[in-house]
Amino acid sequence: MKLLAFLVIAAVALSLAPRSFAQYMSPAELREQAKENDAKQEELVNLEQEMARAMQWNNGTIFRRVYGDDFVGILPSGQLLDKSAWIAAIENSGIKYTAFLASDVRVRMFQDTAVVTCIWSARGAQSGRTFYRQYRVTHVYVYGQRGWQAVAGQETLLPG
């Protein structure tokens, strides 16, 4: 009797449990959604590479477009910068880059949010001294009416 009561309760609970969205989609809809996700991931990879090029040329234009108004960035020193301070730091850094590349770009999607990690490799000169640095970078993006908007970023200077 207890087993029967348990089975009835379990059956009712399962029937009331929400089903995943994928269970309601046809195979064609699932393929279309996969293509859309691939396009969004490719767009994010391209954004990271465009931002690296912008860093090389000390150009803040892409950051004005891609960074959200409430963007918060964390430098390797731990300093917090908002969008306008970040752009000012890029445009007025005094660093002359000979190369600035984004590599090992990895995208993790969570519905309309994405976490993107990559390595920024920078070579250049500052105050007459040449340098080569690598940073592990994380950006958090939200997809909305204006496309992907970065809302947070963190840079960690890699040793060596």
Protein backbone atom coordinates (compact mmCIF):
# COMPACT_ATOMS: atom_id res chain seq x y z
CA MET A 1 0.00 0.00 0.00
CA LYS A 2 2.80 2.42 0.88
CA LEU A 3 4.52 1.57 -2.39
CA LEU A 4 1.34 2.29 -4.35
CA ALA A 5 0.89 5.65 -2.57
CA PHE A 6 4.51 6.52 -3.31
CA LEU A 7 4.10 5.62 -6.99
CA VAL A 8 0.94 7.72 -7.28
CA ILE A 9 2.61 10.72 -5.66
CA ALA A 10 5.69 10.31 -7.87
CA ALA A 11 3.54 10.08 -11.02
CA VAL A 12 1.61 13.22 -10.07
CA ALA A 13 4.82 15.10 -9.25
CA LEU A 14 6.41 14.11 -12.57
CA SER A 15 3.34 15.14 -14.51
CA LEU A 16 3.38 18.56 -12.85
CA ALA A 17 7.14 19.08 -13.22
CA PRO A 18 8.07 21.66 -15.86
CA ARG A 19 9.45 20.18 -19.04
CA SER A 20 12.54 21.57 -20.68
CA PHE A 21 12.06 23.89 -23.63
CA ALA A 22 13.90 21.44 -25.90
CA GLN A 23 11.14 18.84 -25.41
CA TYR A 24 8.72 21.18 -27.19
CA MET A 25 10.97 21.92 -30.16
CA SER A 26 11.00 19.98 -33.40
CA PRO A 27 14.32 18.67 -34.75
CA ALA A 28 14.30 21.45 -37.37
CA GLU A 29 13.81 24.08 -34.64
CA LEU A 30 16.64 22.54 -32.60
CA ARG A 31 18.96 22.69 -35.65
CA GLU A 32 17.99 26.32 -36.26
CA GLN A 33 18.66 27.21 -32.62
CA ALA A 34 22.06 25.46 -32.80
CA LYS A 35 22.96 27.49 -35.92
CA GLU A 36 21.89 30.69 -34.16
CA ASN A 37 24.03 29.82 -31.10
CA ASP A 38 27.02 29.09 -33.36
CA ALA A 39 26.58 32.49 -35.03
CA LYS A 40 26.39 34.23 -31.64
CA GLN A 41 29.54 32.44 -30.46
CA GLU A 42 31.38 33.40 -33.65
CA GLU A 43 30.28 37.01 -33.17
CA LEU A 44 31.75 37.01 -29.65
CA VAL A 45 35.06 35.56 -30.86
CA ASN A 46 35.19 38.29 -33.53
CA LEU A 47 34.43 40.97 -30.92
CA GLU A 48 37.35 39.80 -28.76
CA GLN A 49 39.70 39.91 -31.76
CA GLU A 50 38.43 43.36 -32.80
CA MET A 51 38.98 44.65 -29.28
CA ALA A 52 42.56 43.35 -29.35
CA ARG A 53 43.17 45.26 -32.61
CA ALA A 54 41.64 48.37 -31.05
CA MET A 55 43.97 48.03 -28.07
CA GLN A 56 46.95 47.82 -30.44
CA TRP A 57 45.98 51.14 -32.04
CA ASN A 58 44.89 52.81 -28.75
CA ASN A 59 41.44 53.25 -30.27
CA GLY A 60 38.39 53.31 -27.97
CA THR A 61 35.69 53.26 -30.68
CA ILE A 62 34.71 49.59 -30.40
CA PHE A 63 34.58 49.84 -26.61
CA ARG A 64 32.07 52.70 -26.88
CA ARG A 65 29.85 50.44 -28.97
CA VAL A 66 30.33 47.08 -27.24
CA TYR A 67 30.73 47.99 -23.58
CA GLY A 68 27.45 48.61 -21.78
CA ASP A 69 26.90 51.90 -19.98
CA ASP A 70 27.16 50.07 -16.65
CA PHE A 71 30.37 48.21 -17.61
CA VAL A 72 32.86 47.54 -14.80
CA GLY A 73 36.40 46.44 -15.61
CA ILE A 74 39.02 45.13 -13.20
CA LEU A 75 42.66 45.71 -14.08
CA PRO A 76 45.45 43.31 -13.04
CA SER A 77 46.21 45.72 -10.18
CA GLY A 78 42.67 45.28 -8.85
CA GLN A 79 41.63 48.80 -9.86
CA LEU A 80 38.00 49.18 -10.95
CA LEU A 81 37.23 51.20 -14.08
CA ASP A 82 33.87 52.17 -15.51
CA LYS A 83 33.29 52.42 -19.27
CA SER A 84 34.50 56.01 -19.69
CA ALA A 85 37.61 55.49 -17.52
CA TRP A 86 38.43 52.29 -19.45
CA ILE A 87 38.22 54.08 -22.80
CA ALA A 88 40.29 57.00 -21.50
CA ALA A 89 42.94 54.57 -20.25
CA ILE A 90 43.15 52.93 -23.68
CA GLU A 91 43.30 56.17 -25.64
CA ASN A 92 45.73 57.96 -23.29
CA SER A 93 47.96 55.10 -22.11
CA GLY A 94 51.18 56.27 -23.74
CA ILE A 95 51.85 52.65 -24.72
CA LYS A 96 52.87 51.99 -28.31
CA TYR A 97 51.98 48.42 -29.21
CA THR A 98 53.72 46.57 -32.02
CA ALA A 99 51.36 43.61 -31.58
CA PHE A 100 48.23 42.87 -29.57
CA LEU A 101 46.45 39.55 -30.13
CA ALA A 102 43.50 37.67 -28.65
CA SER A 103 43.97 33.90 -28.68
CA ASP A 104 42.51 30.83 -27.01
CA VAL A 105 39.06 32.47 -27.13
CA ARG A 106 36.48 30.31 -25.35
CA VAL A 107 32.77 31.09 -25.23
CA ARG A 108 30.26 29.67 -22.74
CA MET A 109 26.64 30.54 -23.44
CA PHE A 110 23.85 30.76 -20.87
CA GLN A 111 20.70 31.81 -22.77
CA ASP A 112 21.21 35.57 -23.35
CA THR A 113 24.43 35.74 -21.31
CA ALA A 114 27.91 34.65 -22.34
CA VAL A 115 31.19 34.31 -20.48
CA VAL A 116 34.18 34.71 -22.79
CA THR A 117 37.74 33.96 -21.75
CA CYS A 118 40.86 34.48 -23.82
CA ILE A 119 44.53 35.33 -23.67
CA TRP A 120 45.63 38.82 -24.66
CA SER A 121 49.27 38.92 -25.78
CA ALA A 122 50.79 42.39 -25.99
CA ARG A 123 54.17 43.51 -27.28
CA GLY A 124 55.24 47.13 -27.34
CA ALA A 125 57.08 49.96 -25.66
CA GLN A 126 56.27 52.24 -22.77
CA SER A 127 58.52 55.06 -21.51
CA GLY A 128 61.30 53.84 -23.80
CA ARG A 129 61.24 50.27 -22.46
CA THR A 130 60.06 47.31 -24.53
CA PHE A 131 57.79 44.69 -23.02
CA TYR A 132 55.92 41.49 -23.74
CA ARG A 133 52.94 40.65 -21.54
CA GLN A 134 50.16 38.12 -21.51
CA TYR A 135 46.84 38.50 -19.73
CA ARG A 136 44.07 36.03 -19.04
CA VAL A 137 40.90 38.02 -19.76
CA THR A 138 37.28 37.31 -18.87
CA HIS A 139 34.34 39.26 -20.29
CA VAL A 140 30.68 38.84 -19.38
CA TYR A 141 28.26 39.75 -22.17
CA VAL A 142 24.49 40.15 -22.24
CA TYR A 143 22.53 39.91 -25.50
CA GLY A 144 19.84 42.54 -25.96
CA GLN A 145 18.35 44.97 -28.46
CA ARG A 146 21.79 46.43 -29.24
CA GLY A 147 23.37 42.99 -29.69
CA TRP A 148 26.12 41.80 -27.37
CA GLN A 149 27.04 44.25 -24.61
CA ALA A 150 29.96 43.63 -22.26
CA VAL A 151 28.92 44.33 -18.68
CA ALA A 152 32.04 43.16 -16.85
CA GLY A 153 35.66 42.39 -17.56
CA GLN A 154 38.69 41.19 -15.62
CA GLU A 155 42.34 41.06 -16.65
CA THR A 156 44.91 38.91 -14.88
CA LEU A 157 48.60 39.39 -15.74
CA LEU A 158 50.22 36.03 -16.37
CA PRO A 159 53.65 35.39 -14.88
CA GLY A 160 56.76 35.44 -17.01
